[in-house]
């Protein structure tokens, strides 16, 4: 029996979702010990100890994931350049990882060197065989930020303490990993529209804003509960506990007793309770559950030392960051409704977790009867409004239940079953989630992942966000389908509140804009569960294109001028000519971002346009005003003159 294990392997590395890169060769003794005792997982430390490959190329300073791949056909040779050339198919940015998976089998980390068939002998340098490839995967920047948010959130105090104004001011800045992106402060903490991740929120908003509600839309129970809820909220209570006690007696249709305390698990104070909510149990034996609704209330305005909305958001952050939910977070954006009640003021928020914690208010209602220009009394109108909101909340909660019930998980989990003592018991297959790629954090990406264009279906797998501004949902993705379902294309997927595909296609025909694969307003509907109620644009990823230099080359200037000419000749205006909306590649120039574009006379500027002097807009540009030809020409002239 050998006294040492000699390992010959090729070490490759990558950032999660990015192409594989060459790192180094490994031909070293792994120290004394019998091969049949050496676990695969124990090789991690040996490789890191003998070869400082972590610093060979720029990777994040965080622990990577190491997987071991046994090639079906070994590579032979001692020259690193020759071996690097043999591994070149694995470096393909489109399908390199898939090729590695196809040509190898992943070794069981709990197996041994002997049981997995790893050669432990030592050959000469010319005929050395390399059957083992070690793939070191560092997390993407987005997943690092996500995990940092969870790590910091686990150290938070109770939500009631965190929501105090002093603590909120400390937390609410973009540098805080666990900040609540809820538009407070405005422009500093702008969230990605949460319907991109969970379209149930778009459907909730659509239902809440339904017009022409009539009594026949509801049954007696819904109207009775709406009246009772308004009645309790209208009362004056001595303190919060009295208000909560009376609210706790109300049973809401489809939601149960919504205002009864629920425990939030997680350090450092696992005993904290929410004022109310709804929990969905995913697996009975493992007691794995997630909040569908979180409720927090204040007795009235001016009472209590923190805002009910802030407290609900921090309760969500604390609950979703629990170590118990780490498997759920891998595959879900962890959506939840937050219900904040202050006296007669009701605010309902939506919450998701992507790279950071995102929150958006979805409905705000005063529960006091208000006169309206209708043929009904004020209390009748208010009852119908409240009944409609409660029904929308019930239906939204049901959608979130379905979301959590349909989750997947990559690996079985083990837990201690009290019935059999401390022995670890594996959850039975009937309660396990289906296997998925373990390096893909699907919870960080949009739900909209397939579309039909010209009667052909295409599928998307998101890779990463393309902009540092979280308010802009623009992603890099792999697209498959169409004529060749096996052929992958790298594309850009953009979600926008408005878009002009006609203007985009005009420039695409002239090769002055990226190829447009799809552009459509995906309206939320029951038969379109993934539609975010936004424009979705799928366009070509311009490989090798870069931001423009300080001054354009002559041919690039000509093409920028042609962009404006082509649009104007067809009657369209762009409205947002600036360097950030241009890419260059050699002599080529590409214009994109057609959010504001449209026919002159129809196209308008956003009401919230930044009119600061440094933006150098035409003097006639105003909030919500029409975009004119001369505005584009002015911006073009300023860009060519180097004034922008």
Foldseek 3Di string as FASTA:
>chain_A
DDQWFWAWAFEWEDEQLFFIGGQGIGTDTQGGDDQQVAFLLNVVVSCVVVDVSCVRDDADPDAWDKWKWFFPDWDFAQDVVVVRVVLVCLRPGWCNVVVSVVGTPIDDRRGTCVVRVGDRDDDDRGGDIHRMYMYTYGYDPLVVLQLLLLVVLLADDALLVCQFPVNLVVQQAPVRSAHELEVVVPPGRHAAPCCQAFVLLVVLLVLLPDPDFDPVVDDPLLLVLLLVVLVLLQDQDPFDVVSLVSLQVRQFVLFGSFQPWDFAAGPDDRGDIFRGFHKAQQFDQVRDIATQETEHEGSAPPDGRGFQVSSQLSSNSNRCSHPSCPQVQLWAQRWHWYWYYHRQKIWIKIWGHASYIYIYISDIDGSDFDDDPDPDGSNVVSSSSSSSSSVSSSVSSVSVSVVSNQTAGADWDWDAGVVVGRDIDTDDPVSHGDHDPNSARNNNGGPPFWDADPNKIKGWDWRAADDPDNRWRKTWIWIAIDPHRVDIAIKIKGWAAAFDVVLQVLCVVVVQAFAWPDWDQQCDDPVRRRHSRTIITITHDDPQWDQADLAADPLLLVSVVVSLVSQVVVQKDQQDDDSVQWIDHVSHIHGDDSRQMDGFVPGFAAQPDDPDVLVVFDPPHHRRHTDDSVRRVVSSVCSNVSND
